[in-house]
């Protein structure tokens, strides 16, 4: 390959990585505002919010997204899992929109990380 062809390929790869990063950033902000925040308020009303007592905002977004993205039975039987958030209660109060936003958030993060590793290998 010529030097200009390699440079063109890297330029396209850079644009793709920027688009993937912006997608991840948008999904994080949108899920935090429209997915996690209403669920956190509902859990506080039920006095079941144990995450906000010890952790910063960023990790709470990830915790809510992970718990909503996988089935509640993944974490164990009902009543058995007590760490941070009860996944069964979270799935009970979450709507389909909350779950879709959580899946979008996690999948965009994973796609961005995989692409970033591939991009670094191209350099």
C-alpha atoms as a PDB file:
ATOM      1  CA  UNK A   1       0.000   0.000   0.000  1.00  0.00           C
ATOM      2  CA  UNK A   2       1.131   3.494  -0.685  1.00  0.00           C
ATOM      3  CA  UNK A   3       1.607   6.067   2.000  1.00  0.00           C
ATOM      4  CA  UNK A   4      -1.462   8.049   0.943  1.00  0.00           C
ATOM      5  CA  UNK A   5      -3.655   4.929   1.034  1.00  0.00           C
ATOM      6  CA  UNK A   6      -2.474   4.162   4.569  1.00  0.00           C
ATOM      7  CA  UNK A   7      -3.106   7.757   5.624  1.00  0.00           C
ATOM      8  CA  UNK A   8      -6.601   7.676   4.092  1.00  0.00           C
ATOM      9  CA  UNK A   9      -7.366   4.459   5.972  1.00  0.00           C
ATOM     10  CA  UNK A  10      -6.214   5.998   9.248  1.00  0.00           C
ATOM     11  CA  UNK A  11      -8.277   9.114   8.579  1.00  0.00           C
ATOM     12  CA  UNK A  12     -11.403   7.014   8.053  1.00  0.00           C
ATOM     13  CA  UNK A  13     -10.608   4.974  11.170  1.00  0.00           C
ATOM     14  CA  UNK A  14     -10.210   8.173  13.174  1.00  0.00           C
ATOM     15  CA  UNK A  15     -13.580   9.483  11.999  1.00  0.00           C
ATOM     16  CA  UNK A  16     -15.231   6.185  12.890  1.00  0.00           C
ATOM     17  CA  UNK A  17     -13.668   6.228  16.355  1.00  0.00           C
ATOM     18  CA  UNK A  18     -14.876   9.785  16.909  1.00  0.00           C
ATOM     19  CA  UNK A  19     -18.420   8.804  15.894  1.00  0.00           C
ATOM     20  CA  UNK A  20     -18.335   5.779  18.217  1.00  0.00           C
ATOM     21  CA  UNK A  21     -17.074   7.919  21.092  1.00  0.00           C
ATOM     22  CA  UNK A  22     -19.786  10.524  20.560  1.00  0.00           C
ATOM     23  CA  UNK A  23     -22.380   7.730  20.429  1.00  0.00           C
ATOM     24  CA  UNK A  24     -21.116   6.375  23.748  1.00  0.00           C
ATOM     25  CA  UNK A  25     -21.065   9.820  25.356  1.00  0.00           C
ATOM     26  CA  UNK A  26     -24.610  10.529  24.175  1.00  0.00           C
ATOM     27  CA  UNK A  27     -25.868   7.154  25.380  1.00  0.00           C
ATOM     28  CA  UNK A  28     -24.285   7.694  28.787  1.00  0.00           C
ATOM     29  CA  UNK A  29     -25.870  11.105  29.258  1.00  0.00           C
ATOM     30  CA  UNK A  30     -29.271  10.085  27.898  1.00  0.00           C
ATOM     31  CA  UNK A  31     -29.423   6.924  30.016  1.00  0.00           C
ATOM     32  CA  UNK A  32     -28.358   8.845  33.125  1.00  0.00           C
ATOM     33  CA  UNK A  33     -31.004  11.518  32.597  1.00  0.00           C
ATOM     34  CA  UNK A  34     -33.958   9.513  31.278  1.00  0.00           C
ATOM     35  CA  UNK A  35     -33.247   5.998  32.530  1.00  0.00           C
ATOM     36  CA  UNK A  36     -31.337   6.011  35.774  1.00  0.00           C
ATOM     37  CA  UNK A  37     -32.649   9.207  37.343  1.00  0.00           C
ATOM     38  CA  UNK A  38     -36.360   8.238  37.369  1.00  0.00           C
ATOM     39  CA  UNK A  39     -35.508   4.770  38.643  1.00  0.00           C
ATOM     40  CA  UNK A  40     -33.336   6.237  41.391  1.00  0.00           C
ATOM     41  CA  UNK A  41     -36.196   8.469  42.515  1.00  0.00           C
ATOM     42  CA  UNK A  42     -38.595   5.512  42.599  1.00  0.00           C
ATOM     43  CA  UNK A  43     -36.093   3.487  44.641  1.00  0.00           C
ATOM     44  CA  UNK A  44     -35.619   6.379  47.060  1.00  0.00           C
ATOM     45  CA  UNK A  45     -39.382   6.588  47.551  1.00  0.00           C
ATOM     46  CA  UNK A  46     -39.371   2.884  48.388  1.00  0.00           C
ATOM     47  CA  UNK A  47     -36.303   3.349  50.652  1.00  0.00           C
ATOM     48  CA  UNK A  48     -34.400   0.746  48.607  1.00  0.00           C
ATOM     49  CA  UNK A  49     -31.668   2.979  47.136  1.00  0.00           C
ATOM     50  CA  UNK A  50     -28.395   1.797  48.681  1.00  0.00           C
ATOM     51  CA  UNK A  51     -26.109   2.824  45.817  1.00  0.00           C
ATOM     52  CA  UNK A  52     -26.263   6.589  46.301  1.00  0.00           C
ATOM     53  CA  UNK A  53     -25.254   6.307  49.940  1.00  0.00           C
ATOM     54  CA  UNK A  54     -21.665   5.423  49.140  1.00  0.00           C
ATOM     55  CA  UNK A  55     -20.892   5.979  45.505  1.00  0.00           C
ATOM     56  CA  UNK A  56     -20.380   8.712  42.974  1.00  0.00           C
ATOM     57  CA  UNK A  57     -22.699   9.438  40.053  1.00  0.00           C
ATOM     58  CA  UNK A  58     -20.624   7.733  37.350  1.00  0.00           C
ATOM     59  CA  UNK A  59     -20.558   4.304  38.921  1.00  0.00           C
ATOM     60  CA  UNK A  60     -24.274   4.420  39.645  1.00  0.00           C
ATOM     61  CA  UNK A  61     -24.963   4.787  35.913  1.00  0.00           C
ATOM     62  CA  UNK A  62     -22.933   1.664  35.210  1.00  0.00           C
ATOM     63  CA  UNK A  63     -24.575  -0.259  38.050  1.00  0.00           C
ATOM     64  CA  UNK A  64     -28.087   0.553  36.867  1.00  0.00           C
ATOM     65  CA  UNK A  65     -27.192  -0.219  33.238  1.00  0.00           C
ATOM     66  CA  UNK A  66     -25.653  -3.601  34.065  1.00  0.00           C
ATOM     67  CA  UNK A  67     -28.565  -4.623  36.289  1.00  0.00           C
ATOM     68  CA  UNK A  68     -31.127  -3.648  33.638  1.00  0.00           C
ATOM     69  CA  UNK A  69     -29.285  -5.168  30.670  1.00  0.00           C
ATOM     70  CA  UNK A  70     -29.165  -8.736  31.917  1.00  0.00           C
ATOM     71  CA  UNK A  71     -32.068 -10.788  33.293  1.00  0.00           C
ATOM     72  CA  UNK A  72     -32.570 -10.484  37.034  1.00  0.00           C
ATOM     73  CA  UNK A  73     -32.108 -14.235  37.486  1.00  0.00           C
ATOM     74  CA  UNK A  74     -28.508 -13.816  36.300  1.00  0.00           C
ATOM     75  CA  UNK A  75     -27.703 -12.412  39.757  1.00  0.00           C
ATOM     76  CA  UNK A  76     -29.222 -15.341  41.650  1.00  0.00           C
ATOM     77  CA  UNK A  77     -32.545 -16.306  43.125  1.00  0.00           C
ATOM     78  CA  UNK A  78     -34.998 -13.705  44.357  1.00  0.00           C
ATOM     79  CA  UNK A  79     -34.083 -12.538  47.852  1.00  0.00           C
ATOM     80  CA  UNK A  80     -30.612 -14.060  47.616  1.00  0.00           C
ATOM     81  CA  UNK A  81     -28.796 -11.133  46.014  1.00  0.00           C
ATOM     82  CA  UNK A  82     -28.566  -8.053  48.249  1.00  0.00           C
ATOM     83  CA  UNK A  83     -25.472  -6.161  47.064  1.00  0.00           C
ATOM     84  CA  UNK A  84     -26.087  -2.573  45.881  1.00  0.00           C
ATOM     85  CA  UNK A  85     -29.400  -2.900  44.043  1.00  0.00           C
ATOM     86  CA  UNK A  86     -32.032  -5.584  44.063  1.00  0.00           C
ATOM     87  CA  UNK A  87     -32.199  -6.600  40.369  1.00  0.00           C
ATOM     88  CA  UNK A  88     -35.684  -8.080  40.763  1.00  0.00           C
ATOM     89  CA  UNK A  89     -37.063  -4.840  42.187  1.00  0.00           C
ATOM     90  CA  UNK A  90     -35.250  -2.816  39.538  1.00  0.00           C
ATOM     91  CA  UNK A  91     -36.722  -4.930  36.738  1.00  0.00           C
ATOM     92  CA  UNK A  92     -40.145  -4.663  38.357  1.00  0.00           C
ATOM     93  CA  UNK A  93     -40.192  -0.856  38.367  1.00  0.00           C
ATOM     94  CA  UNK A  94     -38.311  -0.365  35.078  1.00  0.00           C
ATOM     95  CA  UNK A  95     -40.095   0.174  31.803  1.00  0.00           C
ATOM     96  CA  UNK A  96     -39.111  -1.134  28.389  1.00  0.00           C
ATOM     97  CA  UNK A  97     -37.610   2.287  27.595  1.00  0.00           C
ATOM     98  CA  UNK A  98     -35.315   2.065  30.633  1.00  0.00           C
ATOM     99  CA  UNK A  99     -34.081  -1.351  29.535  1.00  0.00           C
ATOM    100  CA  UNK A 100     -33.488  -0.229  25.948  1.00  0.00           C
ATOM    101  CA  UNK A 101     -31.518   2.805  27.110  1.00  0.00           C
ATOM    102  CA  UNK A 102     -29.409   0.589  29.382  1.00  0.00           C
ATOM    103  CA  UNK A 103     -28.680  -1.856  26.566  1.00  0.00           C
ATOM    104  CA  UNK A 104     -27.775   1.026  24.247  1.00  0.00           C
ATOM    105  CA  UNK A 105     -25.427   2.442  26.878  1.00  0.00           C
ATOM    106  CA  UNK A 106     -23.580  -0.814  27.537  1.00  0.00           C
ATOM    107  CA  UNK A 107     -23.413  -1.923  23.915  1.00  0.00           C
ATOM    108  CA  UNK A 108     -22.085   1.439  22.719  1.00  0.00           C
ATOM    109  CA  UNK A 109     -19.416   1.306  25.435  1.00  0.00           C
ATOM    110  CA  UNK A 110     -18.353  -2.221  24.488  1.00  0.00           C
ATOM    111  CA  UNK A 111     -18.296  -1.431  20.771  1.00  0.00           C
ATOM    112  CA  UNK A 112     -16.193   1.671  21.421  1.00  0.00           C
ATOM    113  CA  UNK A 113     -13.688  -0.261  23.555  1.00  0.00           C
ATOM    114  CA  UNK A 114     -13.330  -3.079  20.996  1.00  0.00           C
ATOM    115  CA  UNK A 115     -12.879  -0.572  18.176  1.00  0.00           C
ATOM    116  CA  UNK A 116     -10.335   1.399  20.234  1.00  0.00           C
ATOM    117  CA  UNK A 117      -8.222  -1.724  20.703  1.00  0.00           C
ATOM    118  CA  UNK A 118      -8.409  -2.495  16.989  1.00  0.00           C
ATOM    119  CA  UNK A 119      -7.588   1.130  16.146  1.00  0.00           C
ATOM    120  CA  UNK A 120      -4.478   1.106  18.327  1.00  0.00           C
ATOM    121  CA  UNK A 121      -3.333  -2.068  16.612  1.00  0.00           C
ATOM    122  CA  UNK A 122      -3.704  -0.331  13.235  1.00  0.00           C
ATOM    123  CA  UNK A 123      -1.246   2.379  14.266  1.00  0.00           C
END
